[in-house]
Amino acid sequence: MRWIITAVFIALAIWWSKKKGIEVEVIPKLSMMTAVFFVVCLSEEIKE
């Protein structure tokens, strides 16, 4: 279930980057956001 939230945030990040124009400085930030959401989803699955 939480993977849906992650997918939504990834889609929003991609949409936002295309709207603003992808800059080299933005790509690492988007990667970190994606990684953080992924780790949070994994840690929540382990707790259940």
N, C-alpha and C. Protein backbone atom coordinates (compact mmCIF):
# COMPACT_ATOMS: atom_id res chain seq x y z
N MET A 1 0.81 -1.20 0.00
CA MET A 1 0.00 0.00 0.00
C MET A 1 0.86 1.27 0.00
N ARG A 2 1.92 1.24 0.77
CA ARG A 2 2.76 2.44 0.87
C ARG A 2 3.54 2.70 -0.41
N TRP A 3 3.71 1.66 -1.24
CA TRP A 3 4.39 1.86 -2.51
C TRP A 3 3.59 2.78 -3.42
N ILE A 4 2.28 2.84 -3.22
CA ILE A 4 1.45 3.76 -4.01
C ILE A 4 1.82 5.20 -3.67
N ILE A 5 2.01 5.47 -2.39
CA ILE A 5 2.41 6.83 -1.98
C ILE A 5 3.76 7.18 -2.59
N THR A 6 4.68 6.23 -2.56
CA THR A 6 6.00 6.46 -3.16
C THR A 6 5.88 6.74 -4.65
N ALA A 7 5.05 5.96 -5.34
CA ALA A 7 4.85 6.17 -6.77
C ALA A 7 4.26 7.54 -7.06
N VAL A 8 3.35 7.99 -6.22
CA VAL A 8 2.76 9.33 -6.40
C VAL A 8 3.83 10.40 -6.25
N PHE A 9 4.67 10.27 -5.23
CA PHE A 9 5.72 11.27 -5.03
C PHE A 9 6.75 11.25 -6.17
N ILE A 10 7.05 10.08 -6.68
CA ILE A 10 7.97 9.99 -7.82
C ILE A 10 7.35 10.67 -9.04
N ALA A 11 6.06 10.41 -9.27
CA ALA A 11 5.37 11.04 -10.40
C ALA A 11 5.35 12.56 -10.24
N LEU A 12 5.09 13.02 -9.02
CA LEU A 12 5.10 14.47 -8.78
C LEU A 12 6.48 15.06 -9.01
N ALA A 13 7.52 14.36 -8.59
CA ALA A 13 8.88 14.85 -8.79
C ALA A 13 9.23 14.92 -10.27
N ILE A 14 8.83 13.92 -11.02
CA ILE A 14 9.10 13.93 -12.47
C ILE A 14 8.31 15.05 -13.14
N TRP A 15 7.04 15.19 -12.78
CA TRP A 15 6.21 16.26 -13.35
C TRP A 15 6.81 17.63 -13.02
N TRP A 16 7.21 17.81 -11.77
CA TRP A 16 7.77 19.10 -11.35
C TRP A 16 9.06 19.41 -12.10
N SER A 17 9.92 18.38 -12.27
CA SER A 17 11.19 18.62 -12.96
C SER A 17 10.98 18.95 -14.43
N LYS A 18 9.99 18.32 -15.06
CA LYS A 18 9.71 18.64 -16.46
C LYS A 18 9.11 20.04 -16.59
N LYS A 19 8.29 20.41 -15.62
CA LYS A 19 7.67 21.74 -15.64
C LYS A 19 8.73 22.84 -15.48
N LYS A 20 9.65 22.62 -14.57
CA LYS A 20 10.69 23.61 -14.30
C LYS A 20 11.86 23.50 -15.26
N GLY A 21 11.99 22.38 -15.91
CA GLY A 21 13.18 22.14 -16.74
C GLY A 21 14.22 21.46 -15.88
N ILE A 22 14.67 20.31 -16.29
CA ILE A 22 15.61 19.55 -15.47
C ILE A 22 16.96 20.25 -15.45
N GLU A 23 17.40 20.57 -14.26
CA GLU A 23 18.71 21.17 -14.07
C GLU A 23 19.61 20.13 -13.41
N VAL A 24 20.88 20.24 -13.64
CA VAL A 24 21.82 19.26 -13.13
C VAL A 24 21.78 19.21 -11.59
N GLU A 25 21.55 20.33 -10.94
CA GLU A 25 21.53 20.37 -9.48
C GLU A 25 20.29 19.70 -8.90
N VAL A 26 19.23 19.57 -9.66
CA VAL A 26 17.97 19.04 -9.16
C VAL A 26 17.97 17.52 -9.13
N ILE A 27 18.68 16.89 -10.03
CA ILE A 27 18.64 15.43 -10.16
C ILE A 27 19.07 14.72 -8.87
N PRO A 28 20.16 15.11 -8.20
CA PRO A 28 20.51 14.43 -6.94
C PRO A 28 19.44 14.62 -5.85
N LYS A 29 18.81 15.77 -5.82
CA LYS A 29 17.75 16.00 -4.82
C LYS A 29 16.57 15.06 -5.07
N LEU A 30 16.18 14.91 -6.32
CA LEU A 30 15.09 14.00 -6.66
C LEU A 30 15.46 12.56 -6.32
N SER A 31 16.70 12.21 -6.56
CA SER A 31 17.17 10.85 -6.24
C SER A 31 17.12 10.60 -4.75
N MET A 32 17.54 11.57 -3.97
CA MET A 32 17.50 11.41 -2.52
C MET A 32 16.08 11.31 -2.00
N MET A 33 15.17 12.12 -2.53
CA MET A 33 13.77 12.05 -2.12
C MET A 33 13.20 10.67 -2.40
N THR A 34 13.49 10.14 -3.57
CA THR A 34 13.01 8.82 -3.94
C THR A 34 13.58 7.75 -3.01
N ALA A 35 14.86 7.85 -2.72
CA ALA A 35 15.51 6.86 -1.85
C ALA A 35 14.92 6.92 -0.44
N VAL A 36 14.67 8.11 0.07
CA VAL A 36 14.11 8.25 1.42
C VAL A 36 12.73 7.63 1.48
N PHE A 37 11.88 7.92 0.52
CA PHE A 37 10.54 7.33 0.52
C PHE A 37 10.61 5.81 0.41
N PHE A 38 11.53 5.31 -0.39
CA PHE A 38 11.69 3.87 -0.54
C PHE A 38 12.10 3.23 0.78
N VAL A 39 13.06 3.82 1.46
CA VAL A 39 13.53 3.27 2.74
C VAL A 39 12.42 3.33 3.79
N VAL A 40 11.67 4.41 3.81
CA VAL A 40 10.56 4.53 4.77
C VAL A 40 9.53 3.43 4.50
N CYS A 41 9.23 3.19 3.25
CA CYS A 41 8.27 2.13 2.91
C CYS A 41 8.80 0.76 3.36
N LEU A 42 10.07 0.50 3.16
CA LEU A 42 10.64 -0.77 3.59
C LEU A 42 10.62 -0.91 5.10
N SER A 43 10.95 0.15 5.80
CA SER A 43 11.00 0.08 7.26
C SER A 43 9.60 -0.12 7.84
N GLU A 44 8.59 0.46 7.21
CA GLU A 44 7.22 0.26 7.68
C GLU A 44 6.76 -1.16 7.45
N GLU A 45 7.17 -1.78 6.37
CA GLU A 45 6.80 -3.16 6.09
C GLU A 45 7.44 -4.11 7.11
N ILE A 46 8.65 -3.80 7.54
CA ILE A 46 9.34 -4.65 8.49
C ILE A 46 8.64 -4.58 9.86
N LYS A 47 8.17 -3.39 10.25
CA LYS A 47 7.50 -3.22 11.53
C LYS A 47 6.20 -3.98 11.61
N GLU A 48 5.52 -4.13 10.49
CA GLU A 48 4.22 -4.81 10.50
C GLU A 48 4.44 -6.24 10.59
